[in-house]
Amino acid sequence: LSTLTADRLIRAIREKDIPTLQSVPRVGRKKAE
């Protein structure tokens, strides 16, 4: 939530947007997936 707004986080999850989720510190590809 410090990196992404609530709306952006939910949209990234729905769209399976791994690069956006990886922009969060300590979240790599495996954690995003």
PDB file of all heavy atoms in Angstrom:
ATOM      1  N   LEU A   1       0.798  -1.219   0.000  1.00  0.00           N
ATOM      2  CA  LEU A   1       0.000   0.000   0.000  1.00  0.00           C
ATOM      3  C   LEU A   1       0.834   1.274   0.000  1.00  0.00           C
ATOM      4  O   LEU A   1       0.330   2.340  -0.316  1.00  0.00           O
ATOM      5  CB  LEU A   1      -0.955  -0.010   1.189  1.00  0.00           C
ATOM      6  CG  LEU A   1      -2.005  -1.115   1.103  1.00  0.00           C
ATOM      7  CD1 LEU A   1      -2.778  -1.208   2.393  1.00  0.00           C
ATOM      8  CD2 LEU A   1      -2.920  -0.882  -0.073  1.00  0.00           C
ATOM      9  N   SER A   2       2.109   1.174   0.346  1.00  0.00           N
ATOM     10  CA  SER A   2       2.978   2.349   0.241  1.00  0.00           C
ATOM     11  C   SER A   2       3.410   2.558  -1.196  1.00  0.00           C
ATOM     12  O   SER A   2       3.724   3.670  -1.603  1.00  0.00           O
ATOM     13  CB  SER A   2       4.219   2.188   1.127  1.00  0.00           C
ATOM     14  OG  SER A   2       3.855   2.299   2.476  1.00  0.00           O
ATOM     15  N   THR A   3       3.426   1.493  -1.964  1.00  0.00           N
ATOM     16  CA  THR A   3       3.871   1.572  -3.350  1.00  0.00           C
ATOM     17  C   THR A   3       2.706   1.782  -4.306  1.00  0.00           C
ATOM     18  O   THR A   3       2.800   2.547  -5.253  1.00  0.00           O
ATOM     19  CB  THR A   3       4.635   0.293  -3.729  1.00  0.00           C
ATOM     20  OG1 THR A   3       5.672   0.080  -2.773  1.00  0.00           O
ATOM     21  CG2 THR A   3       5.256   0.406  -5.108  1.00  0.00           C
ATOM     22  N   LEU A   4       1.598   1.090  -4.054  1.00  0.00           N
ATOM     23  CA  LEU A   4       0.442   1.126  -4.954  1.00  0.00           C
ATOM     24  C   LEU A   4      -0.794   1.598  -4.204  1.00  0.00           C
ATOM     25  O   LEU A   4      -0.966   1.280  -3.030  1.00  0.00           O
ATOM     26  CB  LEU A   4       0.172  -0.284  -5.508  1.00  0.00           C
ATOM     27  CG  LEU A   4       1.328  -0.998  -6.196  1.00  0.00           C
ATOM     28  CD1 LEU A   4       0.956  -2.456  -6.458  1.00  0.00           C
ATOM     29  CD2 LEU A   4       1.699  -0.300  -7.486  1.00  0.00           C
ATOM     30  N   THR A   5      -1.661   2.327  -4.888  1.00  0.00           N
ATOM     31  CA  THR A   5      -2.945   2.670  -4.279  1.00  0.00           C
ATOM     32  C   THR A   5      -3.793   1.412  -4.224  1.00  0.00           C
ATOM     33  O   THR A   5      -3.507   0.420  -4.909  1.00  0.00           O
ATOM     34  CB  THR A   5      -3.687   3.737  -5.102  1.00  0.00           C
ATOM     35  OG1 THR A   5      -4.007   3.180  -6.386  1.00  0.00           O
ATOM     36  CG2 THR A   5      -2.866   5.003  -5.267  1.00  0.00           C
ATOM     37  N   ALA A   6      -4.847   1.441  -3.426  1.00  0.00           N
ATOM     38  CA  ALA A   6      -5.719   0.268  -3.308  1.00  0.00           C
ATOM     39  C   ALA A   6      -6.297  -0.108  -4.669  1.00  0.00           C
ATOM     40  O   ALA A   6      -6.313  -1.279  -5.046  1.00  0.00           O
ATOM     41  CB  ALA A   6      -6.837   0.545  -2.305  1.00  0.00           C
ATOM     42  N   ASP A   7      -6.761   0.892  -5.426  1.00  0.00           N
ATOM     43  CA  ASP A   7      -7.328   0.610  -6.746  1.00  0.00           C
ATOM     44  C   ASP A   7      -6.291   0.005  -7.684  1.00  0.00           C
ATOM     45  O   ASP A   7      -6.573  -0.935  -8.420  1.00  0.00           O
ATOM     46  CB  ASP A   7      -7.899   1.884  -7.374  1.00  0.00           C
ATOM     47  CG  ASP A   7      -9.165   2.345  -6.672  1.00  0.00           C
ATOM     48  OD1 ASP A   7      -9.885   1.495  -6.119  1.00  0.00           O
ATOM     49  OD2 ASP A   7      -9.429   3.560  -6.690  1.00  0.00           O
ATOM     50  N   ARG A   8      -5.071   0.553  -7.666  1.00  0.00           N
ATOM     51  CA  ARG A   8      -4.013   0.053  -8.557  1.00  0.00           C
ATOM     52  C   ARG A   8      -3.600  -1.366  -8.173  1.00  0.00           C
ATOM     53  O   ARG A   8      -3.347  -2.204  -9.036  1.00  0.00           O
ATOM     54  CB  ARG A   8      -2.794   0.991  -8.518  1.00  0.00           C
ATOM     55  CG  ARG A   8      -1.711   0.598  -9.482  1.00  0.00           C
ATOM     56  CD  ARG A   8      -2.215   0.747 -10.941  1.00  0.00           C
ATOM     57  NE  ARG A   8      -1.274   0.164 -11.851  1.00  0.00           N
ATOM     58  CZ  ARG A   8      -1.526  -0.913 -12.610  1.00  0.00           C
ATOM     59  NH1 ARG A   8      -2.699  -1.505 -12.575  1.00  0.00           N
ATOM     60  NH2 ARG A   8      -0.616  -1.399 -13.412  1.00  0.00           N
ATOM     61  N   LEU A   9      -3.545  -1.651  -6.887  1.00  0.00           N
ATOM     62  CA  LEU A   9      -3.201  -2.991  -6.423  1.00  0.00           C
ATOM     63  C   LEU A   9      -4.229  -4.008  -6.912  1.00  0.00           C
ATOM     64  O   LEU A   9      -3.883  -5.053  -7.466  1.00  0.00           O
ATOM     65  CB  LEU A   9      -3.120  -3.018  -4.898  1.00  0.00           C
ATOM     66  CG  LEU A   9      -2.938  -4.389  -4.251  1.00  0.00           C
ATOM     67  CD1 LEU A   9      -1.631  -5.026  -4.684  1.00  0.00           C
ATOM     68  CD2 LEU A   9      -3.007  -4.270  -2.739  1.00  0.00           C
ATOM     69  N   ILE A  10      -5.494  -3.706  -6.724  1.00  0.00           N
ATOM     70  CA  ILE A  10      -6.555  -4.625  -7.136  1.00  0.00           C
ATOM     71  C   ILE A  10      -6.561  -4.788  -8.652  1.00  0.00           C
ATOM     72  O   ILE A  10      -6.705  -5.904  -9.166  1.00  0.00           O
ATOM     73  CB  ILE A  10      -7.910  -4.150  -6.593  1.00  0.00           C
ATOM     74  CG1 ILE A  10      -7.898  -4.310  -5.067  1.00  0.00           C
ATOM     75  CG2 ILE A  10      -9.067  -4.914  -7.218  1.00  0.00           C
ATOM     76  CD1 ILE A  10      -9.006  -3.616  -4.347  1.00  0.00           C
ATOM     77  N   ARG A  11      -6.356  -3.694  -9.386  1.00  0.00           N
ATOM     78  CA  ARG A  11      -6.304  -3.775 -10.844  1.00  0.00           C
ATOM     79  C   ARG A  11      -5.115  -4.630 -11.299  1.00  0.00           C
ATOM     80  O   ARG A  11      -5.242  -5.452 -12.201  1.00  0.00           O
ATOM     81  CB  ARG A  11      -6.235  -2.370 -11.448  1.00  0.00           C
ATOM     82  CG  ARG A  11      -6.442  -2.368 -12.953  1.00  0.00           C
ATOM     83  CD  ARG A  11      -6.636  -0.984 -13.561  1.00  0.00           C
ATOM     84  NE  ARG A  11      -5.511  -0.114 -13.326  1.00  0.00           N
ATOM     85  CZ  ARG A  11      -5.543   1.002 -12.617  1.00  0.00           C
ATOM     86  NH1 ARG A  11      -6.669   1.397 -12.060  1.00  0.00           N
ATOM     87  NH2 ARG A  11      -4.467   1.742 -12.468  1.00  0.00           N
ATOM     88  N   ALA A  12      -3.957  -4.465 -10.652  1.00  0.00           N
ATOM     89  CA  ALA A  12      -2.774  -5.247 -11.011  1.00  0.00           C
ATOM     90  C   ALA A  12      -3.020  -6.738 -10.781  1.00  0.00           C
ATOM     91  O   ALA A  12      -2.611  -7.580 -11.585  1.00  0.00           O
ATOM     92  CB  ALA A  12      -1.561  -4.779 -10.209  1.00  0.00           C
ATOM     93  N   ILE A  13      -3.710  -7.069  -9.708  1.00  0.00           N
ATOM     94  CA  ILE A  13      -4.006  -8.478  -9.426  1.00  0.00           C
ATOM     95  C   ILE A  13      -4.991  -9.030 -10.448  1.00  0.00           C
ATOM     96  O   ILE A  13      -4.805 -10.117 -10.996  1.00  0.00           O
ATOM     97  CB  ILE A  13      -4.537  -8.639  -7.987  1.00  0.00           C
ATOM     98  CG1 ILE A  13      -3.406  -8.329  -6.990  1.00  0.00           C
ATOM     99  CG2 ILE A  13      -5.077 -10.046  -7.759  1.00  0.00           C
ATOM    100  CD1 ILE A  13      -3.873  -8.161  -5.559  1.00  0.00           C
ATOM    101  N   ARG A  14      -6.035  -8.270 -10.740  1.00  0.00           N
ATOM    102  CA  ARG A  14      -7.036  -8.721 -11.724  1.00  0.00           C
ATOM    103  C   ARG A  14      -6.430  -8.912 -13.106  1.00  0.00           C
ATOM    104  O   ARG A  14      -6.768  -9.854 -13.815  1.00  0.00           O
ATOM    105  CB  ARG A  14      -8.171  -7.706 -11.818  1.00  0.00           C
ATOM    106  CG  ARG A  14      -9.151  -7.802 -10.712  1.00  0.00           C
ATOM    107  CD  ARG A  14     -10.353  -6.926 -10.959  1.00  0.00           C
ATOM    108  NE  ARG A  14     -11.239  -6.981  -9.825  1.00  0.00           N
ATOM    109  CZ  ARG A  14     -11.879  -5.940  -9.332  1.00  0.00           C
ATOM    110  NH1 ARG A  14     -11.751  -4.761  -9.889  1.00  0.00           N
ATOM    111  NH2 ARG A  14     -12.654  -6.082  -8.294  1.00  0.00           N
ATOM    112  N   GLU A  15      -5.539  -7.990 -13.496  1.00  0.00           N
ATOM    113  CA  GLU A  15      -4.948  -8.036 -14.835  1.00  0.00           C
ATOM    114  C   GLU A  15      -3.701  -8.907 -14.893  1.00  0.00           C
ATOM    115  O   GLU A  15      -3.052  -8.996 -15.925  1.00  0.00           O
ATOM    116  CB  GLU A  15      -4.606  -6.613 -15.283  1.00  0.00           C
ATOM    117  CG  GLU A  15      -5.822  -5.735 -15.455  1.00  0.00           C
ATOM    118  CD  GLU A  15      -5.485  -4.278 -15.713  1.00  0.00           C
ATOM    119  OE1 GLU A  15      -4.282  -3.929 -15.730  1.00  0.00           O
ATOM    120  OE2 GLU A  15      -6.420  -3.483 -15.882  1.00  0.00           O
ATOM    121  N   LYS A  16      -3.348  -9.529 -13.752  1.00  0.00           N
ATOM    122  CA  LYS A  16      -2.152 -10.359 -13.666  1.00  0.00           C
ATOM    123  C   LYS A  16      -0.911  -9.575 -14.112  1.00  0.00           C
ATOM    124  O   LYS A  16      -0.069 -10.065 -14.859  1.00  0.00           O
ATOM    125  CB  LYS A  16      -2.323 -11.643 -14.469  1.00  0.00           C
ATOM    126  CG  LYS A  16      -3.436 -12.523 -13.935  1.00  0.00           C
ATOM    127  CD  LYS A  16      -3.617 -13.753 -14.766  1.00  0.00           C
ATOM    128  CE  LYS A  16      -4.598 -14.733 -14.210  1.00  0.00           C
ATOM    129  NZ  LYS A  16      -5.909 -14.295 -13.874  1.00  0.00           N
ATOM    130  N   ASP A  17      -0.838  -8.333 -13.637  1.00  0.00           N
ATOM    131  CA  ASP A  17       0.240  -7.403 -13.990  1.00  0.00           C
ATOM    132  C   ASP A  17       1.434  -7.624 -13.058  1.00  0.00           C
ATOM    133  O   ASP A  17       1.612  -6.927 -12.067  1.00  0.00           O
ATOM    134  CB  ASP A  17      -0.286  -5.975 -13.892  1.00  0.00           C
ATOM    135  CG  ASP A  17       0.704  -4.942 -14.378  1.00  0.00           C
ATOM    136  OD1 ASP A  17       1.851  -5.308 -14.707  1.00  0.00           O
ATOM    137  OD2 ASP A  17       0.317  -3.755 -14.419  1.00  0.00           O
ATOM    138  N   ILE A  18       2.250  -8.603 -13.379  1.00  0.00           N
ATOM    139  CA  ILE A  18       3.390  -8.978 -12.543  1.00  0.00           C
ATOM    140  C   ILE A  18       4.412  -7.850 -12.423  1.00  0.00           C
ATOM    141  O   ILE A  18       4.897  -7.582 -11.320  1.00  0.00           O
ATOM    142  CB  ILE A  18       4.020 -10.292 -13.045  1.00  0.00           C
ATOM    143  CG1 ILE A  18       3.029 -11.428 -12.774  1.00  0.00           C
ATOM    144  CG2 ILE A  18       5.359 -10.572 -12.376  1.00  0.00           C
ATOM    145  CD1 ILE A  18       3.397 -12.745 -13.371  1.00  0.00           C
ATOM    146  N   PRO A  19       4.755  -7.125 -13.506  1.00  0.00           N
ATOM    147  CA  PRO A  19       5.732  -6.033 -13.341  1.00  0.00           C
ATOM    148  C   PRO A  19       5.284  -4.957 -12.345  1.00  0.00           C
ATOM    149  O   PRO A  19       6.094  -4.434 -11.585  1.00  0.00           O
ATOM    150  CB  PRO A  19       5.859  -5.458 -14.756  1.00  0.00           C
ATOM    151  CG  PRO A  19       5.518  -6.604 -15.652  1.00  0.00           C
ATOM    152  CD  PRO A  19       4.451  -7.368 -14.918  1.00  0.00           C
ATOM    153  N   THR A  20       3.996  -4.653 -12.299  1.00  0.00           N
ATOM    154  CA  THR A  20       3.502  -3.672 -11.325  1.00  0.00           C
ATOM    155  C   THR A  20       3.658  -4.203  -9.912  1.00  0.00           C
ATOM    156  O   THR A  20       4.100  -3.485  -9.014  1.00  0.00           O
ATOM    157  CB  THR A  20       2.033  -3.313 -11.612  1.00  0.00           C
ATOM    158  OG1 THR A  20       1.958  -2.690 -12.894  1.00  0.00           O
ATOM    159  CG2 THR A  20       1.480  -2.370 -10.559  1.00  0.00           C
ATOM    160  N   LEU A  21       3.309  -5.444  -9.690  1.00  0.00           N
ATOM    161  CA  LEU A  21       3.460  -6.038  -8.362  1.00  0.00           C
ATOM    162  C   LEU A  21       4.934  -6.135  -7.963  1.00  0.00           C
ATOM    163  O   LEU A  21       5.281  -5.975  -6.800  1.00  0.00           O
ATOM    164  CB  LEU A  21       2.797  -7.414  -8.306  1.00  0.00           C
ATOM    165  CG  LEU A  21       1.277  -7.409  -8.456  1.00  0.00           C
ATOM    166  CD1 LEU A  21       0.742  -8.828  -8.567  1.00  0.00           C
ATOM    167  CD2 LEU A  21       0.619  -6.671  -7.313  1.00  0.00           C
ATOM    168  N   GLN A  22       5.813  -6.360  -8.945  1.00  0.00           N
ATOM    169  CA  GLN A  22       7.245  -6.423  -8.670  1.00  0.00           C
ATOM    170  C   GLN A  22       7.829  -5.054  -8.324  1.00  0.00           C
ATOM    171  O   GLN A  22       8.922  -4.986  -7.781  1.00  0.00           O
ATOM    172  CB  GLN A  22       8.005  -6.993  -9.873  1.00  0.00           C
ATOM    173  CG  GLN A  22       7.869  -8.492 -10.027  1.00  0.00           C
ATOM    174  CD  GLN A  22       8.653  -8.985 -11.211  1.00  0.00           C
ATOM    175  OE1 GLN A  22       8.214  -8.856 -12.343  1.00  0.00           O
ATOM    176  NE2 GLN A  22       9.819  -9.539 -10.940  1.00  0.00           N
ATOM    177  N   SER A  23       7.105  -3.989  -8.593  1.00  0.00           N
ATOM    178  CA  SER A  23       7.599  -2.653  -8.240  1.00  0.00           C
ATOM    179  C   SER A  23       7.564  -2.425  -6.731  1.00  0.00           C
ATOM    180  O   SER A  23       8.146  -1.476  -6.225  1.00  0.00           O
ATOM    181  CB  SER A  23       6.790  -1.570  -8.963  1.00  0.00           C
ATOM    182  OG  SER A  23       5.473  -1.500  -8.438  1.00  0.00           O
ATOM    183  N   VAL A  24       6.890  -3.309  -6.008  1.00  0.00           N
ATOM    184  CA  VAL A  24       6.827  -3.237  -4.541  1.00  0.00           C
ATOM    185  C   VAL A  24       8.124  -3.819  -3.983  1.00  0.00           C
ATOM    186  O   VAL A  24       8.544  -4.898  -4.397  1.00  0.00           O
ATOM    187  CB  VAL A  24       5.612  -4.035  -4.017  1.00  0.00           C
ATOM    188  CG1 VAL A  24       5.582  -4.050  -2.503  1.00  0.00           C
ATOM    189  CG2 VAL A  24       4.320  -3.469  -4.590  1.00  0.00           C
ATOM    190  N   PRO A  25       8.765  -3.102  -3.057  1.00  0.00           N
ATOM    191  CA  PRO A  25      10.004  -3.626  -2.470  1.00  0.00           C
ATOM    192  C   PRO A  25       9.809  -5.020  -1.867  1.00  0.00           C
ATOM    193  O   PRO A  25       8.796  -5.285  -1.219  1.00  0.00           O
ATOM    194  CB  PRO A  25      10.353  -2.611  -1.371  1.00  0.00           C
ATOM    195  CG  PRO A  25       9.676  -1.358  -1.801  1.00  0.00           C
ATOM    196  CD  PRO A  25       8.429  -1.790  -2.516  1.00  0.00           C
ATOM    197  N   ARG A  26      10.780  -5.894  -2.110  1.00  0.00           N
ATOM    198  CA  ARG A  26      10.812  -7.266  -1.595  1.00  0.00           C
ATOM    199  C   ARG A  26       9.711  -8.160  -2.152  1.00  0.00           C
ATOM    200  O   ARG A  26       9.375  -9.175  -1.565  1.00  0.00           O
ATOM    201  CB  ARG A  26      10.790  -7.269  -0.065  1.00  0.00           C
ATOM    202  CG  ARG A  26      12.025  -6.611   0.514  1.00  0.00           C
ATOM    203  CD  ARG A  26      12.031  -6.467   1.989  1.00  0.00           C
ATOM    204  NE  ARG A  26      11.778  -7.737   2.672  1.00  0.00           N
ATOM    205  CZ  ARG A  26      11.434  -7.832   3.933  1.00  0.00           C
ATOM    206  NH1 ARG A  26      11.304  -6.741   4.653  1.00  0.00           N
ATOM    207  NH2 ARG A  26      11.234  -9.003   4.489  1.00  0.00           N
ATOM    208  N   VAL A  27       9.126  -7.770  -3.293  1.00  0.00           N
ATOM    209  CA  VAL A  27       8.193  -8.640  -3.999  1.00  0.00           C
ATOM    210  C   VAL A  27       8.807  -8.938  -5.352  1.00  0.00           C
ATOM    211  O   VAL A  27       8.900  -8.074  -6.212  1.00  0.00           O
ATOM    212  CB  VAL A  27       6.791  -7.996  -4.167  1.00  0.00           C
ATOM    213  CG1 VAL A  27       5.901  -8.874  -5.040  1.00  0.00           C
ATOM    214  CG2 VAL A  27       6.143  -7.770  -2.815  1.00  0.00           C
ATOM    215  N   GLY A  28       9.259 -10.179  -5.499  1.00  0.00           N
ATOM    216  CA  GLY A  28       9.843 -10.617  -6.764  1.00  0.00           C
ATOM    217  C   GLY A  28       8.800 -11.281  -7.637  1.00  0.00           C
ATOM    218  O   GLY A  28       7.603 -11.305  -7.317  1.00  0.00           O
ATOM    219  N   ARG A  29       9.270 -11.854  -8.708  1.00  0.00           N
ATOM    220  CA  ARG A  29       8.363 -12.498  -9.651  1.00  0.00           C
ATOM    221  C   ARG A  29       7.577 -13.637  -8.994  1.00  0.00           C
ATOM    222  O   ARG A  29       6.362 -13.759  -9.178  1.00  0.00           O
ATOM    223  CB  ARG A  29       9.132 -13.011 -10.864  1.00  0.00           C
ATOM    224  CG  ARG A  29       8.235 -13.628 -11.915  1.00  0.00           C
ATOM    225  CD  ARG A  29       8.955 -13.825 -13.238  1.00  0.00           C
ATOM    226  NE  ARG A  29       8.016 -14.190 -14.271  1.00  0.00           N
ATOM    227  CZ  ARG A  29       7.236 -13.348 -14.947  1.00  0.00           C
ATOM    228  NH1 ARG A  29       7.278 -12.060 -14.680  1.00  0.00           N
ATOM    229  NH2 ARG A  29       6.405 -13.772 -15.870  1.00  0.00           N
ATOM    230  N   LYS A  30       8.254 -14.475  -8.212  1.00  0.00           N
ATOM    231  CA  LYS A  30       7.579 -15.614  -7.590  1.00  0.00           C
ATOM    232  C   LYS A  30       6.501 -15.168  -6.606  1.00  0.00           C
ATOM    233  O   LYS A  30       5.408 -15.721  -6.580  1.00  0.00           O
ATOM    234  CB  LYS A  30       8.585 -16.517  -6.876  1.00  0.00           C
ATOM    235  CG  LYS A  30       9.417 -17.339  -7.819  1.00  0.00           C
ATOM    236  CD  LYS A  30      10.314 -18.281  -7.051  1.00  0.00           C
ATOM    237  CE  LYS A  30      11.160 -19.100  -8.003  1.00  0.00           C
ATOM    238  NZ  LYS A  30      12.013 -20.055  -7.297  1.00  0.00           N
ATOM    239  N   LYS A  31       6.793 -14.157  -5.780  1.00  0.00           N
ATOM    240  CA  LYS A  31       5.790 -13.669  -4.830  1.00  0.00           C
ATOM    241  C   LYS A  31       4.610 -13.043  -5.561  1.00  0.00           C
ATOM    242  O   LYS A  31       3.458 -13.209  -5.154  1.00  0.00           O
ATOM    243  CB  LYS A  31       6.396 -12.655  -3.861  1.00  0.00           C
ATOM    244  CG  LYS A  31       7.138 -13.293  -2.726  1.00  0.00           C
ATOM    245  CD  LYS A  31       7.527 -12.258  -1.699  1.00  0.00           C
ATOM    246  CE  LYS A  31       8.302 -12.901  -0.576  1.00  0.00           C
ATOM    247  NZ  LYS A  31       8.732 -11.938   0.420  1.00  0.00           N
ATOM    248  N   ALA A  32       4.894 -12.295  -6.626  1.00  0.00           N
ATOM    249  CA  ALA A  32       3.815 -11.672  -7.400  1.00  0.00           C
ATOM    250  C   ALA A  32       2.919 -12.741  -8.017  1.00  0.00           C
ATOM    251  O   ALA A  32       1.687 -12.644  -7.958  1.00  0.00           O
ATOM    252  CB  ALA A  32       4.406 -10.766  -8.478  1.00  0.00           C
ATOM    253  N   GLU A  33       3.527 -13.758  -8.587  1.00  0.00           N
ATOM    254  CA  GLU A  33       2.750 -14.846  -9.185  1.00  0.00           C
ATOM    255  C   GLU A  33       1.940 -15.588  -8.113  1.00  0.00           C
ATOM    256  O   GLU A  33       0.791 -15.955  -8.345  1.00  0.00           O
ATOM    257  CB  GLU A  33       3.676 -15.823  -9.909  1.00  0.00           C
ATOM    258  CG  GLU A  33       4.266 -15.261 -11.183  1.00  0.00           C
ATOM    259  CD  GLU A  33       5.352 -16.145 -11.791  1.00  0.00           C
ATOM    260  OE1 GLU A  33       5.829 -17.098 -11.121  1.00  0.00           O
ATOM    261  OE2 GLU A  33       5.716 -15.880 -12.950  1.00  0.00           O
TER     262      GLU A  33
END
